[in-house]
PDB file of N, CA and C in Angstrom:
ATOM      1  N   SER A   1       0.113  12.269   9.085  1.00  0.00           N
ATOM      2  CA  SER A   1      -0.461  11.433   8.031  1.00  0.00           C
ATOM      3  C   SER A   1      -1.763  10.850   8.425  1.00  0.00           C
ATOM      4  N   GLU A   2      -2.527  10.791   7.510  1.00  0.00           N
ATOM      5  CA  GLU A   2      -3.893   9.620   7.665  1.00  0.00           C
ATOM      6  C   GLU A   2      -3.865   8.496   6.867  1.00  0.00           C
ATOM      7  N   VAL A   3      -4.274   7.342   7.347  1.00  0.00           N
ATOM      8  CA  VAL A   3      -4.385   6.152   6.572  1.00  0.00           C
ATOM      9  C   VAL A   3      -5.733   5.535   6.640  1.00  0.00           C
ATOM     10  N   LYS A   4      -6.323   5.102   5.590  1.00  0.00           N
ATOM     11  CA  LYS A   4      -7.379   4.695   5.237  1.00  0.00           C
ATOM     12  C   LYS A   4      -7.415   3.283   4.881  1.00  0.00           C
ATOM     13  N   ILE A   5      -7.821   2.282   5.328  1.00  0.00           N
ATOM     14  CA  ILE A   5      -7.740   0.833   4.925  1.00  0.00           C
ATOM     15  C   ILE A   5      -9.231   0.254   4.282  1.00  0.00           C
ATOM     16  N   ARG A   6      -9.260  -0.292   3.207  1.00  0.00           N
ATOM     17  CA  ARG A   6     -10.461  -1.047   2.666  1.00  0.00           C
ATOM     18  C   ARG A   6     -10.270  -2.485   2.607  1.00  0.00           C
ATOM     19  N   LYS A   7     -10.569  -3.370   3.538  1.00  0.00           N
ATOM     20  CA  LYS A   7     -10.123  -4.739   3.189  1.00  0.00           C
ATOM     21  C   LYS A   7     -10.880  -5.364   1.933  1.00  0.00           C
ATOM     22  N   VAL A   8     -10.375  -6.533   1.512  1.00  0.00           N
ATOM     23  CA  VAL A   8     -10.815  -7.150   0.255  1.00  0.00           C
ATOM     24  C   VAL A   8     -11.028  -8.624   0.742  1.00  0.00           C
ATOM     25  N   GLU A   9     -12.098  -9.031   0.358  1.00  0.00           N
ATOM     26  CA  GLU A   9     -12.460 -10.476   0.802  1.00  0.00           C
ATOM     27  C   GLU A   9     -12.321 -11.331  -0.380  1.00  0.00           C
ATOM     28  N   GLY A  10     -12.053 -12.682   0.012  1.00  0.00           N
ATOM     29  CA  GLY A  10     -11.942 -13.665  -1.131  1.00  0.00           C
ATOM     30  C   GLY A  10     -10.772 -13.617  -1.832  1.00  0.00           C
ATOM     31  N   LYS A  11      -9.735 -12.897  -1.567  1.00  0.00           N
ATOM     32  CA  LYS A  11      -8.476 -13.009  -2.157  1.00  0.00           C
ATOM     33  C   LYS A  11      -7.400 -13.675  -1.442  1.00  0.00           C
ATOM     34  N   GLU A  12      -6.534 -14.468  -1.927  1.00  0.00           N
ATOM     35  CA  GLU A  12      -5.675 -15.149  -1.292  1.00  0.00           C
ATOM     36  C   GLU A  12      -4.436 -14.324  -0.372  1.00  0.00           C
ATOM     37  N   LYS A  13      -3.975 -13.776  -1.300  1.00  0.00           N
ATOM     38  CA  LYS A  13      -2.604 -12.809  -0.785  1.00  0.00           C
ATOM     39  C   LYS A  13      -2.993 -11.233  -0.644  1.00  0.00           C
ATOM     40  N   PHE A  14      -3.822 -10.853  -1.507  1.00  0.00           N
ATOM     41  CA  PHE A  14      -4.458  -9.407  -1.705  1.00  0.00           C
ATOM     42  C   PHE A  14      -5.340  -9.235  -0.633  1.00  0.00           C
ATOM     43  N   LYS A  15      -4.746  -8.392   0.488  1.00  0.00           N
ATOM     44  CA  LYS A  15      -5.691  -8.180   1.836  1.00  0.00           C
ATOM     45  C   LYS A  15      -6.405  -6.895   1.973  1.00  0.00           C
ATOM     46  N   ALA A  16      -5.976  -5.813   1.273  1.00  0.00           N
ATOM     47  CA  ALA A  16      -6.560  -4.543   1.550  1.00  0.00           C
ATOM     48  C   ALA A  16      -6.170  -3.655   0.593  1.00  0.00           C
ATOM     49  N   TRP A  17      -7.006  -2.610   0.134  1.00  0.00           N
ATOM     50  CA  TRP A  17      -6.567  -1.228  -0.419  1.00  0.00           C
ATOM     51  C   TRP A  17      -6.139  -0.131   0.575  1.00  0.00           C
ATOM     52  N   ALA A  18      -5.198   0.656   0.237  1.00  0.00           N
ATOM     53  CA  ALA A  18      -4.868   1.523   1.338  1.00  0.00           C
ATOM     54  C   ALA A  18      -4.745   2.786   0.601  1.00  0.00           C
ATOM     55  N   THR A  19      -4.994   3.978   1.382  1.00  0.00           N
ATOM     56  CA  THR A  19      -4.916   5.478   1.079  1.00  0.00           C
ATOM     57  C   THR A  19      -4.105   6.064   2.080  1.00  0.00           C
ATOM     58  N   ILE A  20      -3.170   6.690   1.723  1.00  0.00           N
ATOM     59  CA  ILE A  20      -2.371   7.640   2.747  1.00  0.00           C
ATOM     60  C   ILE A  20      -2.179   8.968   2.275  1.00  0.00           C
ATOM     61  N   THR A  21      -2.543   9.932   3.258  1.00  0.00           N
ATOM     62  CA  THR A  21      -2.424  11.369   2.990  1.00  0.00           C
ATOM     63  C   THR A  21      -1.398  11.991   4.085  1.00  0.00           C
ATOM     64  N   PHE A  22      -0.379  12.780   3.156  1.00  0.00           N
ATOM     65  CA  PHE A  22       0.313  13.337   4.153  1.00  0.00           C
ATOM     66  C   PHE A  22       0.276  14.870   4.491  1.00  0.00           C
ATOM     67  N   ASP A  23       0.076  15.252   5.698  1.00  0.00           N
ATOM     68  CA  ASP A  23       0.062  16.716   6.046  1.00  0.00           C
ATOM     69  C   ASP A  23      -1.132  17.334   5.429  1.00  0.00           C
ATOM     70  N   ASP A  24      -2.193  16.810   5.003  1.00  0.00           N
ATOM     71  CA  ASP A  24      -3.422  17.371   4.443  1.00  0.00           C
ATOM     72  C   ASP A  24      -3.115  18.010   3.282  1.00  0.00           C
ATOM     73  N   SER A  25      -1.945  17.409   2.586  1.00  0.00           N
ATOM     74  CA  SER A  25      -1.542  18.185   1.166  1.00  0.00           C
ATOM     75  C   SER A  25      -1.262  17.278   0.071  1.00  0.00           C
ATOM     76  N   PHE A  26      -1.110  15.875   0.247  1.00  0.00           N
ATOM     77  CA  PHE A  26      -0.768  15.106  -0.459  1.00  0.00           C
ATOM     78  C   PHE A  26      -1.392  13.601  -0.463  1.00  0.00           C
ATOM     79  N   ARG A  27      -1.979  13.172  -1.251  1.00  0.00           N
ATOM     80  CA  ARG A  27      -2.750  11.891  -1.109  1.00  0.00           C
ATOM     81  C   ARG A  27      -2.265  10.836  -2.095  1.00  0.00           C
ATOM     82  N   ILE A  28      -2.158   9.466  -1.766  1.00  0.00           N
ATOM     83  CA  ILE A  28      -1.911   8.510  -2.603  1.00  0.00           C
ATOM     84  C   ILE A  28      -2.896   7.419  -2.488  1.00  0.00           C
ATOM     85  N   HIS A  29      -3.505   6.969  -3.426  1.00  0.00           N
ATOM     86  CA  HIS A  29      -4.673   5.914  -3.365  1.00  0.00           C
ATOM     87  C   HIS A  29      -3.903   4.914  -4.238  1.00  0.00           C
ATOM     88  N   GLY A  30      -4.581   3.782  -3.967  1.00  0.00           N
ATOM     89  CA  GLY A  30      -4.226   2.386  -4.752  1.00  0.00           C
ATOM     90  C   GLY A  30      -2.961   1.685  -4.118  1.00  0.00           C
ATOM     91  N   LEU A  31      -2.772   1.913  -2.951  1.00  0.00           N
ATOM     92  CA  LEU A  31      -1.692   1.115  -2.296  1.00  0.00           C
ATOM     93  C   LEU A  31      -2.302  -0.310  -1.902  1.00  0.00           C
ATOM     94  N   LYS A  32      -1.564  -1.362  -2.074  1.00  0.00           N
ATOM     95  CA  LYS A  32      -2.172  -2.596  -1.749  1.00  0.00           C
ATOM     96  C   LYS A  32      -1.452  -3.287  -0.411  1.00  0.00           C
ATOM     97  N   VAL A  33      -2.160  -3.785   0.273  1.00  0.00           N
ATOM     98  CA  VAL A  33      -1.484  -4.646   1.540  1.00  0.00           C
ATOM     99  C   VAL A  33      -1.621  -6.309   0.858  1.00  0.00           C
ATOM    100  N   ILE A  34      -0.518  -6.818   0.937  1.00  0.00           N
ATOM    101  CA  ILE A  34      -0.257  -7.940   0.479  1.00  0.00           C
ATOM    102  C   ILE A  34       0.347  -8.796   1.597  1.00  0.00           C
ATOM    103  N   GLU A  35      -0.237 -10.194   1.670  1.00  0.00           N
ATOM    104  CA  GLU A  35       0.458 -11.220   2.530  1.00  0.00           C
ATOM    105  C   GLU A  35       1.564 -11.854   1.960  1.00  0.00           C
ATOM    106  N   GLY A  36       2.651 -11.471   2.565  1.00  0.00           N
ATOM    107  CA  GLY A  36       3.917 -12.250   2.054  1.00  0.00           C
ATOM    108  C   GLY A  36       4.405 -13.381   2.832  1.00  0.00           C
ATOM    109  N   LYS A  37       5.486 -13.876   2.574  1.00  0.00           N
ATOM    110  CA  LYS A  37       5.974 -15.060   3.292  1.00  0.00           C
ATOM    111  C   LYS A  37       6.463 -14.660   4.804  1.00  0.00           C
ATOM    112  N   ASN A  38       6.819 -13.438   4.729  1.00  0.00           N
ATOM    113  CA  ASN A  38       7.189 -12.798   6.357  1.00  0.00           C
ATOM    114  C   ASN A  38       6.154 -11.992   6.806  1.00  0.00           C
ATOM    115  N   GLY A  39       5.013 -11.922   6.354  1.00  0.00           N
ATOM    116  CA  GLY A  39       3.764 -11.042   7.001  1.00  0.00           C
ATOM    117  C   GLY A  39       3.447  -9.981   5.931  1.00  0.00           C
ATOM    118  N   PRO A  40       2.525  -9.175   6.330  1.00  0.00           N
ATOM    119  CA  PRO A  40       2.044  -8.165   5.240  1.00  0.00           C
ATOM    120  C   PRO A  40       3.065  -7.327   4.758  1.00  0.00           C
ATOM    121  N   PHE A  41       3.005  -6.784   3.447  1.00  0.00           N
ATOM    122  CA  PHE A  41       3.925  -5.627   3.019  1.00  0.00           C
ATOM    123  C   PHE A  41       2.998  -4.723   2.297  1.00  0.00           C
ATOM    124  N   VAL A  42       3.451  -3.723   1.893  1.00  0.00           N
ATOM    125  CA  VAL A  42       2.621  -2.567   1.089  1.00  0.00           C
ATOM    126  C   VAL A  42       3.210  -2.572  -0.252  1.00  0.00           C
ATOM    127  N   ALA A  43       2.602  -2.626  -1.151  1.00  0.00           N
ATOM    128  CA  ALA A  43       2.729  -2.613  -2.745  1.00  0.00           C
ATOM    129  C   ALA A  43       2.365  -1.152  -3.402  1.00  0.00           C
ATOM    130  N   MET A  44       3.101  -0.513  -3.931  1.00  0.00           N
ATOM    131  CA  MET A  44       2.729   0.694  -4.422  1.00  0.00           C
ATOM    132  C   MET A  44       1.879   0.751  -5.564  1.00  0.00           C
ATOM    133  N   PRO A  45       1.122   1.640  -5.892  1.00  0.00           N
ATOM    134  CA  PRO A  45       0.108   1.731  -6.992  1.00  0.00           C
ATOM    135  C   PRO A  45       0.967   1.387  -8.284  1.00  0.00           C
ATOM    136  N   SER A  46       0.282   0.670  -9.072  1.00  0.00           N
ATOM    137  CA  SER A  46       0.956   0.287 -10.372  1.00  0.00           C
ATOM    138  C   SER A  46      -0.029   0.172 -11.496  1.00  0.00           C
ATOM    139  N   ARG A  47       0.608   0.015 -12.613  1.00  0.00           N
ATOM    140  CA  ARG A  47      -0.289  -0.210 -13.727  1.00  0.00           C
ATOM    141  C   ARG A  47       0.309  -1.196 -14.656  1.00  0.00           C
ATOM    142  N   LYS A  48      -0.511  -1.877 -15.465  1.00  0.00           N
ATOM    143  CA  LYS A  48       0.060  -3.160 -16.353  1.00  0.00           C
ATOM    144  C   LYS A  48       0.382  -2.487 -17.667  1.00  0.00           C
ATOM    145  N   LEU A  49       1.547  -2.752 -18.175  1.00  0.00           N
ATOM    146  CA  LEU A  49       1.987  -2.297 -19.557  1.00  0.00           C
ATOM    147  C   LEU A  49       1.527  -3.368 -20.622  1.00  0.00           C
ATOM    148  N   PRO A  50       1.443  -2.821 -21.881  1.00  0.00           N
ATOM    149  CA  PRO A  50       1.023  -3.743 -22.757  1.00  0.00           C
ATOM    150  C   PRO A  50       1.777  -5.077 -23.123  1.00  0.00           C
ATOM    151  N   ASN A  51       2.976  -5.214 -22.677  1.00  0.00           N
ATOM    152  CA  ASN A  51       3.904  -6.283 -22.682  1.00  0.00           C
ATOM    153  C   ASN A  51       3.761  -7.247 -21.259  1.00  0.00           C
ATOM    154  N   GLY A  52       2.549  -6.753 -20.433  1.00  0.00           N
ATOM    155  CA  GLY A  52       2.394  -7.618 -19.318  1.00  0.00           C
ATOM    156  C   GLY A  52       3.131  -7.216 -18.217  1.00  0.00           C
ATOM    157  N   GLU A  53       4.159  -6.392 -18.107  1.00  0.00           N
ATOM    158  CA  GLU A  53       4.841  -6.077 -16.999  1.00  0.00           C
ATOM    159  C   GLU A  53       4.047  -4.829 -16.415  1.00  0.00           C
ATOM    160  N   TYR A  54       4.353  -4.773 -15.023  1.00  0.00           N
ATOM    161  CA  TYR A  54       3.790  -3.874 -14.196  1.00  0.00           C
ATOM    162  C   TYR A  54       4.782  -2.743 -13.715  1.00  0.00           C
ATOM    163  N   ILE A  55       4.298  -1.404 -13.851  1.00  0.00           N
ATOM    164  CA  ILE A  55       5.416  -0.455 -13.217  1.00  0.00           C
ATOM    165  C   ILE A  55       4.556   0.323 -12.153  1.00  0.00           C
ATOM    166  N   ASP A  56       5.442   0.684 -11.108  1.00  0.00           N
ATOM    167  CA  ASP A  56       4.749   1.515 -10.134  1.00  0.00           C
ATOM    168  C   ASP A  56       4.289   3.010 -10.702  1.00  0.00           C
ATOM    169  N   THR A  57       3.338   3.479 -10.384  1.00  0.00           N
ATOM    170  CA  THR A  57       2.938   4.844 -10.869  1.00  0.00           C
ATOM    171  C   THR A  57       3.276   5.920  -9.778  1.00  0.00           C
ATOM    172  N   ALA A  58       3.284   5.377  -8.464  1.00  0.00           N
ATOM    173  CA  ALA A  58       3.926   6.420  -7.354  1.00  0.00           C
ATOM    174  C   ALA A  58       4.753   5.438  -6.516  1.00  0.00           C
ATOM    175  N   TYR A  59       5.742   6.281  -6.066  1.00  0.00           N
ATOM    176  CA  TYR A  59       6.617   5.412  -5.184  1.00  0.00           C
ATOM    177  C   TYR A  59       7.608   6.374  -4.513  1.00  0.00           C
ATOM    178  N   PRO A  60       8.128   6.115  -3.236  1.00  0.00           N
ATOM    179  CA  PRO A  60       9.108   6.839  -2.471  1.00  0.00           C
ATOM    180  C   PRO A  60      10.416   6.872  -3.144  1.00  0.00           C
ATOM    181  N   LEU A  61      11.087   7.974  -2.897  1.00  0.00           N
ATOM    182  CA  LEU A  61      12.447   8.149  -3.666  1.00  0.00           C
ATOM    183  C   LEU A  61      13.535   7.793  -2.705  1.00  0.00           C
ATOM    184  N   ASN A  62      13.119   7.272  -1.322  1.00  0.00           N
ATOM    185  CA  ASN A  62      14.267   7.022  -0.490  1.00  0.00           C
ATOM    186  C   ASN A  62      13.765   6.034   0.401  1.00  0.00           C
ATOM    187  N   GLU A  63      14.610   5.232   1.018  1.00  0.00           N
ATOM    188  CA  GLU A  63      14.199   4.243   1.840  1.00  0.00           C
ATOM    189  C   GLU A  63      13.516   4.438   3.243  1.00  0.00           C
ATOM    190  N   GLU A  64      13.774   5.767   3.817  1.00  0.00           N
ATOM    191  CA  GLU A  64      13.177   6.311   5.137  1.00  0.00           C
ATOM    192  C   GLU A  64      11.671   6.586   4.869  1.00  0.00           C
ATOM    193  N   LEU A  65      11.251   7.059   3.529  1.00  0.00           N
ATOM    194  CA  LEU A  65       9.857   7.285   3.443  1.00  0.00           C
ATOM    195  C   LEU A  65       9.248   6.141   3.002  1.00  0.00           C
ATOM    196  N   ARG A  66       9.903   5.009   2.391  1.00  0.00           N
ATOM    197  CA  ARG A  66       9.310   3.863   2.206  1.00  0.00           C
ATOM    198  C   ARG A  66       8.957   3.021   3.509  1.00  0.00           C
ATOM    199  N   GLU A  67       9.853   3.129   4.287  1.00  0.00           N
ATOM    200  CA  GLU A  67       9.652   2.474   5.523  1.00  0.00           C
ATOM    201  C   GLU A  67       8.535   2.938   6.553  1.00  0.00           C
ATOM    202  N   THR A  68       8.436   4.394   6.292  1.00  0.00           N
ATOM    203  CA  THR A  68       7.298   5.157   7.147  1.00  0.00           C
ATOM    204  C   THR A  68       6.102   4.807   6.432  1.00  0.00           C
ATOM    205  N   ILE A  69       5.757   4.814   5.123  1.00  0.00           N
ATOM    206  CA  ILE A  69       4.561   4.648   4.585  1.00  0.00           C
ATOM    207  C   ILE A  69       4.180   3.035   4.885  1.00  0.00           C
ATOM    208  N   GLN A  70       5.248   2.059   4.755  1.00  0.00           N
ATOM    209  CA  GLN A  70       4.884   0.720   5.160  1.00  0.00           C
ATOM    210  C   GLN A  70       4.352   0.526   6.650  1.00  0.00           C
ATOM    211  N   LYS A  71       5.256   1.110   7.434  1.00  0.00           N
ATOM    212  CA  LYS A  71       5.073   1.018   8.884  1.00  0.00           C
ATOM    213  C   LYS A  71       3.439   1.762   9.238  1.00  0.00           C
ATOM    214  N   GLU A  72       3.110   2.884   8.804  1.00  0.00           N
ATOM    215  CA  GLU A  72       1.715   3.450   8.937  1.00  0.00           C
ATOM    216  C   GLU A  72       0.698   2.705   8.393  1.00  0.00           C
ATOM    217  N   ILE A  73       0.842   2.138   7.154  1.00  0.00           N
ATOM    218  CA  ILE A  73      -0.237   1.402   6.634  1.00  0.00           C
ATOM    219  C   ILE A  73      -0.444  -0.051   7.209  1.00  0.00           C
ATOM    220  N   ILE A  74       0.710  -0.398   7.482  1.00  0.00           N
ATOM    221  CA  ILE A  74       0.503  -1.942   8.300  1.00  0.00           C
ATOM    222  C   ILE A  74      -0.062  -1.828   9.597  1.00  0.00           C
ATOM    223  N   GLU A  75       0.251  -0.802  10.399  1.00  0.00           N
ATOM    224  CA  GLU A  75      -0.209  -0.511  11.881  1.00  0.00           C
ATOM    225  C   GLU A  75      -1.789  -0.375  11.661  1.00  0.00           C
ATOM    226  N   GLU A  76      -2.173   0.379  10.768  1.00  0.00           N
ATOM    227  CA  GLU A  76      -3.530   0.667  10.593  1.00  0.00           C
ATOM    228  C   GLU A  76      -4.224  -0.615   9.961  1.00  0.00           C
ATOM    229  N   TYR A  77      -3.708  -1.383   9.101  1.00  0.00           N
ATOM    230  CA  TYR A  77      -4.247  -2.620   8.786  1.00  0.00           C
ATOM    231  C   TYR A  77      -4.385  -3.493   9.963  1.00  0.00           C
ATOM    232  N   GLY A  78      -3.419  -3.633  10.755  1.00  0.00           N
ATOM    233  CA  GLY A  78      -3.500  -4.448  11.941  1.00  0.00           C
ATOM    234  C   GLY A  78      -4.699  -4.035  13.013  1.00  0.00           C
ATOM    235  N   ARG A  79      -4.948  -2.821  12.885  1.00  0.00           N
ATOM    236  CA  ARG A  79      -6.035  -2.179  13.852  1.00  0.00           C
ATOM    237  C   ARG A  79      -7.298  -2.629  13.360  1.00  0.00           C
ATOM    238  N   GLU A  80      -7.441  -2.655  11.934  1.00  0.00           N
ATOM    239  CA  GLU A  80      -8.730  -3.076  11.296  1.00  0.00           C
ATOM    240  C   GLU A  80      -9.133  -4.554  11.502  1.00  0.00           C
ATOM    241  N   GLU A  81      -8.179  -5.480  11.799  1.00  0.00           N
ATOM    242  CA  GLU A  81      -8.545  -7.005  11.891  1.00  0.00           C
ATOM    243  C   GLU A  81      -9.432  -7.175  13.064  1.00  0.00           C
TER     244      GLU A  81
END
């Protein structure tokens, strides 16, 4: 996998945009690094519905992949600081 981080300045909790590419065959743009109560976490790409709710537009279907994405993005974000 390859991870690219683009830091965001001037936002309180929103810290960076992330892109992850799996095996040179599938790429996800629009992941967000958010500073939470227990440290940074990764939010999946989402869009706002007309009723004001947000839905994820891409997301892992199992906890193992979610943890892998989170780990790789947070590690790369830490190297960028």
